Amino acid sequence: MILKFLADENIFPKIISYLRNPGFDVKSVREIGLSQITDDKIVDIATKEKRSIITFDKHFGDILRYRP
């Protein structure tokens, strides 16, 4: 089973490269041209593609708005 991630635009490219090196499937919001999209859209993409979100944004931890 390969772990799949969606990296928010605030994740440094070196971190994304580091995760890809051992074979993790990492899609970067910045690399696919979706910088500055809404958080709700990020959640929609991650849910649709069954990816975990990697971000430094604290508000993604609001379980009332973004269910685990």
C-alpha atoms as a PDB file:
ATOM      1  CA  MET A   1       0.000   0.000   0.000  1.00  0.00           C
ATOM      2  CA  ILE A   2       1.432   3.340  -1.062  1.00  0.00           C
ATOM      3  CA  LEU A   3       0.662   6.333   1.128  1.00  0.00           C
ATOM      4  CA  LYS A   4      -0.880   9.232  -0.778  1.00  0.00           C
ATOM      5  CA  PHE A   5      -0.535  12.855   0.271  1.00  0.00           C
ATOM      6  CA  LEU A   6      -1.686  16.265  -0.912  1.00  0.00           C
ATOM      7  CA  ALA A   7       0.842  18.946   0.027  1.00  0.00           C
ATOM      8  CA  ASP A   8      -0.575  22.407   0.659  1.00  0.00           C
ATOM      9  CA  GLU A   9       1.228  25.341  -0.933  1.00  0.00           C
ATOM     10  CA  ASN A  10       2.998  26.158   2.343  1.00  0.00           C
ATOM     11  CA  ILE A  11       4.989  22.913   2.277  1.00  0.00           C
ATOM     12  CA  PHE A  12       8.567  23.420   1.117  1.00  0.00           C
ATOM     13  CA  PRO A  13       9.596  21.641  -2.105  1.00  0.00           C
ATOM     14  CA  LYS A  14      12.486  19.939  -0.258  1.00  0.00           C
ATOM     15  CA  ILE A  15       9.988  18.251   2.068  1.00  0.00           C
ATOM     16  CA  ILE A  16       7.957  17.043  -0.914  1.00  0.00           C
ATOM     17  CA  SER A  17      11.102  15.666  -2.579  1.00  0.00           C
ATOM     18  CA  TYR A  18      12.128  13.984   0.671  1.00  0.00           C
ATOM     19  CA  LEU A  19       8.772  12.204   0.878  1.00  0.00           C
ATOM     20  CA  ARG A  20       8.842  11.166  -2.773  1.00  0.00           C
ATOM     21  CA  ASN A  21      12.318   9.672  -2.488  1.00  0.00           C
ATOM     22  CA  PRO A  22      11.202   6.492  -0.675  1.00  0.00           C
ATOM     23  CA  GLY A  23       8.205   6.218  -2.997  1.00  0.00           C
ATOM     24  CA  PHE A  24       5.343   8.076  -1.334  1.00  0.00           C
ATOM     25  CA  ASP A  25       2.747   9.448  -3.752  1.00  0.00           C
ATOM     26  CA  VAL A  26       2.815  13.199  -3.091  1.00  0.00           C
ATOM     27  CA  LYS A  27       0.775  15.664  -5.124  1.00  0.00           C
ATOM     28  CA  SER A  28       1.651  19.303  -4.556  1.00  0.00           C
ATOM     29  CA  VAL A  29      -1.019  21.997  -4.814  1.00  0.00           C
ATOM     30  CA  ARG A  30       1.671  24.369  -6.089  1.00  0.00           C
ATOM     31  CA  GLU A  31       3.030  21.964  -8.732  1.00  0.00           C
ATOM     32  CA  ILE A  32      -0.388  21.260 -10.235  1.00  0.00           C
ATOM     33  CA  GLY A  33      -1.105  24.982 -10.589  1.00  0.00           C
ATOM     34  CA  LEU A  34      -3.684  25.320  -7.833  1.00  0.00           C
ATOM     35  CA  SER A  35      -1.945  27.828  -5.576  1.00  0.00           C
ATOM     36  CA  GLN A  36      -4.288  30.053  -3.585  1.00  0.00           C
ATOM     37  CA  ILE A  37      -7.278  27.722  -3.857  1.00  0.00           C
ATOM     38  CA  THR A  38      -9.630  27.598  -0.918  1.00  0.00           C
ATOM     39  CA  ASP A  39      -9.128  25.203   1.949  1.00  0.00           C
ATOM     40  CA  ASP A  40     -12.472  23.621   1.148  1.00  0.00           C
ATOM     41  CA  LYS A  41     -11.225  22.835  -2.369  1.00  0.00           C
ATOM     42  CA  ILE A  42      -8.060  21.278  -0.936  1.00  0.00           C
ATOM     43  CA  VAL A  43     -10.216  19.059   1.271  1.00  0.00           C
ATOM     44  CA  ASP A  44     -12.407  18.151  -1.721  1.00  0.00           C
ATOM     45  CA  ILE A  45      -9.390  17.107  -3.807  1.00  0.00           C
ATOM     46  CA  ALA A  46      -7.846  15.128  -0.956  1.00  0.00           C
ATOM     47  CA  THR A  47     -11.134  13.369  -0.215  1.00  0.00           C
ATOM     48  CA  LYS A  48     -11.798  12.548  -3.864  1.00  0.00           C
ATOM     49  CA  GLU A  49      -8.270  11.172  -4.387  1.00  0.00           C
ATOM     50  CA  LYS A  50      -8.069   9.549  -0.937  1.00  0.00           C
ATOM     51  CA  ARG A  51      -5.023  11.581   0.088  1.00  0.00           C
ATOM     52  CA  SER A  52      -3.922  12.884   3.473  1.00  0.00           C
ATOM     53  CA  ILE A  53      -3.296  16.615   3.615  1.00  0.00           C
ATOM     54  CA  ILE A  54       0.122  17.904   4.620  1.00  0.00           C
ATOM     55  CA  THR A  55      -0.048  21.529   5.751  1.00  0.00           C
ATOM     56  CA  PHE A  56       1.182  24.042   8.287  1.00  0.00           C
ATOM     57  CA  ASP A  57      -2.279  25.649   8.479  1.00  0.00           C
ATOM     58  CA  LYS A  58      -3.669  25.131  11.976  1.00  0.00           C
ATOM     59  CA  HIS A  59      -7.307  25.610  11.010  1.00  0.00           C
ATOM     60  CA  PHE A  60      -7.370  22.234   9.243  1.00  0.00           C
ATOM     61  CA  GLY A  61      -7.380  20.847  12.781  1.00  0.00           C
ATOM     62  CA  ASP A  62     -10.902  22.235  13.350  1.00  0.00           C
ATOM     63  CA  ILE A  63     -12.750  18.906  13.515  1.00  0.00           C
ATOM     64  CA  LEU A  64     -16.126  20.633  13.448  1.00  0.00           C
ATOM     65  CA  ARG A  65     -15.374  22.066  10.002  1.00  0.00           C
ATOM     66  CA  TYR A  66     -13.015  19.415   8.607  1.00  0.00           C
ATOM     67  CA  ARG A  67     -13.943  15.994   9.885  1.00  0.00           C
ATOM     68  CA  PRO A  68     -11.083  13.501  10.353  1.00  0.00           C
END
